[in-house]
């Protein structure tokens, strides 16, 4: 992919190479930019950016894909008790930039850095301003204790990252998000790659072709862009 592609606004589209030609790891293309049109085009084709500081932008479409169908959400009993106790207050889209910066700074097992580089932060803050990127936030009083962010298109939510600075805070935010999406009729949460953490909530792997079929159906339904009201 040409790294000199011009800035694309949210109304522009860009055709990525076919995901059928992805590398065994799932890399579809290299380069480009993180303008709104480029990012939204990628998500609409089942592709997302993931790279480290100092690398070119890498565009991925892994096979299999790790997803959660909101109707299959499983809430562990201990977490359900925490939710019933009301330890955390959950809100949406009130601290998006704070959430993504906290995700960037969260330690990750086996990782010495973060893929949420400054360019990623700026790009997703802009998607949030345009009504496509959203955050779920768990508060302990007025303190942001955990949360997550991602991109909403049609009836799908593409989760990107989460953080927690207090026990179970990000989990409470995730359950609230999944229940909100289920109530709104959204069909799928894209978790991208497998983690033990999300598997406990009922997330599972599906093949790339099945994911793309859900994506095609989902893009023609669901919610319009706009800020979520808590």
Protein backbone atom coordinates (compact mmCIF):
# COMPACT_ATOMS: atom_id res chain seq x y z
CA UNK A 1 0.00 0.00 0.00
CA UNK A 2 1.30 3.44 -0.91
CA UNK A 3 2.21 5.35 2.26
CA UNK A 4 1.54 8.65 0.43
CA UNK A 5 -2.20 8.09 0.16
CA UNK A 6 -3.91 11.44 0.86
CA UNK A 7 -6.05 12.17 3.91
CA UNK A 8 -9.46 10.57 3.46
CA UNK A 9 -12.46 12.01 5.29
CA UNK A 10 -15.18 9.79 6.72
CA UNK A 11 -17.15 9.91 3.46
CA UNK A 12 -14.27 8.60 1.33
CA UNK A 13 -13.56 4.94 0.74
CA UNK A 14 -10.42 2.96 0.00
CA UNK A 15 -10.23 -0.53 -1.44
CA UNK A 16 -7.77 -2.71 0.47
CA UNK A 17 -6.24 -5.84 -1.03
CA UNK A 18 -8.40 -8.94 -0.65
CA UNK A 19 -8.15 -10.54 2.77
CA UNK A 20 -7.85 -13.86 0.96
CA UNK A 21 -4.27 -12.83 0.20
CA UNK A 22 -3.38 -12.15 3.83
CA UNK A 23 -0.17 -13.57 5.25
CA UNK A 24 -0.44 -16.64 7.53
CA UNK A 25 -0.38 -14.23 10.50
CA UNK A 26 -3.22 -12.19 8.98
CA UNK A 27 -1.39 -9.15 7.53
CA UNK A 28 -3.29 -7.76 4.54
CA UNK A 29 -1.34 -4.58 3.74
CA UNK A 30 1.45 -2.30 4.95
CA UNK A 31 1.54 1.50 4.96
CA UNK A 32 -1.16 4.05 4.22
CA UNK A 33 -2.42 6.40 6.93
CA UNK A 34 -4.90 6.60 9.80
CA UNK A 35 -7.30 9.14 8.34
CA UNK A 36 -11.01 8.57 9.08
CA UNK A 37 -11.84 7.31 5.59
CA UNK A 38 -8.94 4.88 5.65
CA UNK A 39 -9.83 3.48 9.08
CA UNK A 40 -13.54 3.14 8.35
CA UNK A 41 -12.81 1.54 4.97
CA UNK A 42 -10.61 -0.99 6.73
CA UNK A 43 -13.22 -1.93 9.32
CA UNK A 44 -15.90 -2.26 6.64
CA UNK A 45 -13.65 -4.81 4.89
CA UNK A 46 -12.86 -6.80 8.05
CA UNK A 47 -9.44 -5.21 8.57
CA UNK A 48 -7.90 -3.29 11.49
CA UNK A 49 -4.55 -1.57 12.19
CA UNK A 50 -2.10 -3.03 14.69
CA UNK A 51 1.57 -2.11 14.83
CA UNK A 52 4.30 -0.91 17.18
CA UNK A 53 6.04 2.44 17.42
CA UNK A 54 8.67 2.78 14.69
CA UNK A 55 6.95 0.29 12.37
CA UNK A 56 4.86 1.11 9.29
CA UNK A 57 1.11 0.71 9.73
CA UNK A 58 0.18 -2.97 9.52
CA UNK A 59 -3.36 -3.88 8.49
CA UNK A 60 -4.71 -7.20 9.80
CA UNK A 61 -7.52 -9.66 9.13
CA UNK A 62 -6.76 -12.75 11.23
CA UNK A 63 -8.22 -16.17 10.60
CA UNK A 64 -9.82 -17.34 12.83
CA UNK A 65 -11.47 -14.26 14.30
CA UNK A 66 -12.35 -13.98 17.99
CA UNK A 67 -15.87 -12.63 18.54
CA UNK A 68 -18.62 -12.37 21.12
CA UNK A 69 -22.27 -12.53 20.17
CA UNK A 70 -24.06 -10.35 22.76
CA UNK A 71 -26.83 -12.95 23.10
CA UNK A 72 -24.16 -15.45 24.26
CA UNK A 73 -22.71 -13.18 26.96
CA UNK A 74 -21.74 -15.13 30.09
CA UNK A 75 -21.24 -13.20 33.33
CA UNK A 76 -19.26 -15.16 35.97
CA UNK A 77 -21.08 -15.37 39.30
CA UNK A 78 -18.43 -13.45 41.24
CA UNK A 79 -18.58 -10.61 38.72
CA UNK A 80 -22.38 -10.65 38.78
CA UNK A 81 -22.21 -10.11 42.55
CA UNK A 82 -19.85 -7.16 42.04
CA UNK A 83 -22.26 -5.64 39.52
CA UNK A 84 -25.25 -6.08 41.84
CA UNK A 85 -23.35 -4.37 44.66
CA UNK A 86 -23.02 -1.26 42.49
CA UNK A 87 -19.34 -0.68 43.29
CA UNK A 88 -18.81 1.06 39.96
CA UNK A 89 -20.92 3.51 38.01
CA UNK A 90 -20.81 2.92 34.26
CA UNK A 91 -21.05 5.68 31.65
CA UNK A 92 -20.50 5.89 27.91
CA UNK A 93 -18.62 8.43 25.79
CA UNK A 94 -17.87 10.84 28.64
CA UNK A 95 -14.08 10.30 28.88
CA UNK A 96 -13.07 8.80 25.55
CA UNK A 97 -9.61 10.34 25.27
CA UNK A 98 -8.84 9.54 28.90
CA UNK A 99 -9.84 5.91 28.29
CA UNK A 100 -7.67 5.45 25.21
CA UNK A 101 -4.68 7.07 26.93
CA UNK A 102 -5.16 4.81 29.95
CA UNK A 103 -5.29 1.80 27.61
CA UNK A 104 -2.02 2.95 26.04
CA UNK A 105 -0.38 3.12 29.45
CA UNK A 106 -1.73 -0.16 30.81
CA UNK A 107 0.90 -2.87 31.35
CA UNK A 108 0.45 -5.99 29.19
CA UNK A 109 1.79 -9.42 30.05
CA UNK A 110 4.74 -10.25 27.81
CA UNK A 111 4.84 -6.78 26.24
CA UNK A 112 7.36 -4.04 26.94
CA UNK A 113 5.54 -1.30 25.01
CA UNK A 114 2.17 -0.47 23.50
CA UNK A 115 0.66 -0.55 20.03
CA UNK A 116 -1.54 2.44 20.99
CA UNK A 117 1.01 4.96 19.72
CA UNK A 118 0.32 8.73 19.58
CA UNK A 119 -0.90 8.47 15.96
CA UNK A 120 -3.44 5.81 16.97
CA UNK A 121 -4.68 7.99 19.83
CA UNK A 122 -5.15 11.01 17.57
CA UNK A 123 -6.89 8.94 14.88
CA UNK A 124 -9.41 7.33 17.24
CA UNK A 125 -10.10 10.57 19.09
CA UNK A 126 -11.07 11.97 15.69
CA UNK A 127 -13.29 8.94 14.99
CA UNK A 128 -14.92 9.57 18.36
CA UNK A 129 -15.54 13.20 17.43
CA UNK A 130 -17.21 11.98 14.23
CA UNK A 131 -19.44 9.56 16.19
CA UNK A 132 -17.86 6.24 15.16
CA UNK A 133 -15.58 5.44 18.12
CA UNK A 134 -17.03 4.94 21.59
CA UNK A 135 -15.93 4.25 25.14
CA UNK A 136 -17.46 2.48 28.13
CA UNK A 137 -16.20 3.78 31.47
CA UNK A 138 -16.39 2.43 35.02
CA UNK A 139 -16.15 5.04 37.77
CA UNK A 140 -15.31 4.65 41.44
CA UNK A 141 -16.90 7.86 42.67
CA UNK A 142 -15.52 10.44 40.24
CA UNK A 143 -12.35 8.47 39.51
CA UNK A 144 -12.10 6.62 36.21
CA UNK A 145 -11.26 3.08 37.36
CA UNK A 146 -11.50 1.13 34.11
CA UNK A 147 -12.93 1.10 30.64
CA UNK A 148 -12.63 0.14 27.01
CA UNK A 149 -13.02 1.66 23.56
CA UNK A 150 -13.83 0.54 20.04
CA UNK A 151 -15.59 1.38 16.79
CA UNK A 152 -19.28 0.94 16.04
CA UNK A 153 -20.44 0.31 12.46
CA UNK A 154 -23.95 -0.89 11.65
CA UNK A 155 -24.82 -3.70 14.04
CA UNK A 156 -21.21 -4.52 14.96
CA UNK A 157 -18.85 -3.18 17.59
CA UNK A 158 -15.13 -3.62 16.97
CA UNK A 159 -13.42 -3.66 20.35
CA UNK A 160 -9.90 -2.26 20.48
CA UNK A 161 -8.50 -2.20 24.02
CA UNK A 162 -9.40 -2.05 27.70
CA UNK A 163 -7.75 -1.08 30.97
CA UNK A 164 -8.39 -1.39 34.67
CA UNK A 165 -6.84 0.36 37.66
CA UNK A 166 -9.19 -1.27 40.19
CA UNK A 167 -10.44 -4.86 40.59
CA UNK A 168 -13.05 -5.87 37.99
CA UNK A 169 -13.57 -2.30 36.74
CA UNK A 170 -12.93 -3.06 33.06
CA UNK A 171 -15.01 -6.23 33.33
CA UNK A 172 -17.98 -4.27 34.69
CA UNK A 173 -17.63 -1.79 31.83
CA UNK A 174 -17.45 -4.63 29.29
CA UNK A 175 -20.59 -6.32 30.62
CA UNK A 176 -22.45 -3.00 30.55
CA UNK A 177 -21.31 -2.46 26.96
CA UNK A 178 -22.38 -5.94 25.86
CA UNK A 179 -25.78 -5.56 27.50
CA UNK A 180 -26.26 -2.13 25.91
CA UNK A 181 -25.39 -3.52 22.48
CA UNK A 182 -27.72 -6.48 22.96
CA UNK A 183 -30.58 -4.16 23.93
CA UNK A 184 -29.90 -2.03 20.84
CA UNK A 185 -30.02 -5.09 18.60
CA UNK A 186 -26.35 -5.20 17.72
CA UNK A 187 -25.28 -8.60 16.54
CA UNK A 188 -21.57 -9.02 17.20
CA UNK A 189 -18.60 -7.71 19.19
CA UNK A 190 -15.34 -8.19 17.32
CA UNK A 191 -12.64 -9.04 19.86
CA UNK A 192 -10.11 -9.61 17.03
CA UNK A 193 -7.73 -12.16 18.59
CA UNK A 194 -8.25 -14.74 21.31
CA UNK A 195 -7.69 -13.94 24.98
CA UNK A 196 -8.49 -16.05 28.05
CA UNK A 197 -10.01 -12.94 29.61
CA UNK A 198 -12.73 -12.53 26.98
CA UNK A 199 -13.26 -16.25 26.49
CA UNK A 200 -14.66 -16.32 30.04
CA UNK A 201 -17.43 -14.00 28.84
CA UNK A 202 -18.43 -16.35 26.04
CA UNK A 203 -16.27 -15.05 23.20
CA UNK A 204 -15.24 -17.71 20.68
CA UNK A 205 -13.37 -18.15 17.44
CA UNK A 206 -15.06 -18.22 14.05
CA UNK A 207 -13.52 -18.47 10.60
CA UNK A 208 -12.68 -15.34 8.62
CA UNK A 209 -15.30 -16.13 5.96
CA UNK A 210 -18.01 -16.48 8.62
CA UNK A 211 -16.89 -13.21 10.20
CA UNK A 212 -17.04 -11.42 6.85
CA UNK A 213 -20.57 -12.77 6.28
CA UNK A 214 -21.67 -11.33 9.64
CA UNK A 215 -19.93 -8.08 8.73
CA UNK A 216 -21.69 -7.75 5.38
CA UNK A 217 -25.08 -8.28 6.99
CA UNK A 218 -24.30 -6.05 9.93
CA UNK A 219 -23.19 -3.04 7.93
CA UNK A 220 -26.68 -2.62 6.49
CA UNK A 221 -28.37 -2.44 9.91
CA UNK A 222 -27.85 -1.13 13.41
CA UNK A 223 -27.06 2.30 14.79
CA UNK A 224 -26.15 5.47 12.95
CA UNK A 225 -22.98 7.35 13.97
CA UNK A 226 -23.34 9.67 16.94
CA UNK A 227 -22.41 10.09 20.55
CA UNK A 228 -23.82 7.50 22.96
CA UNK A 229 -25.92 8.95 25.76
CA UNK A 230 -25.11 7.46 29.17
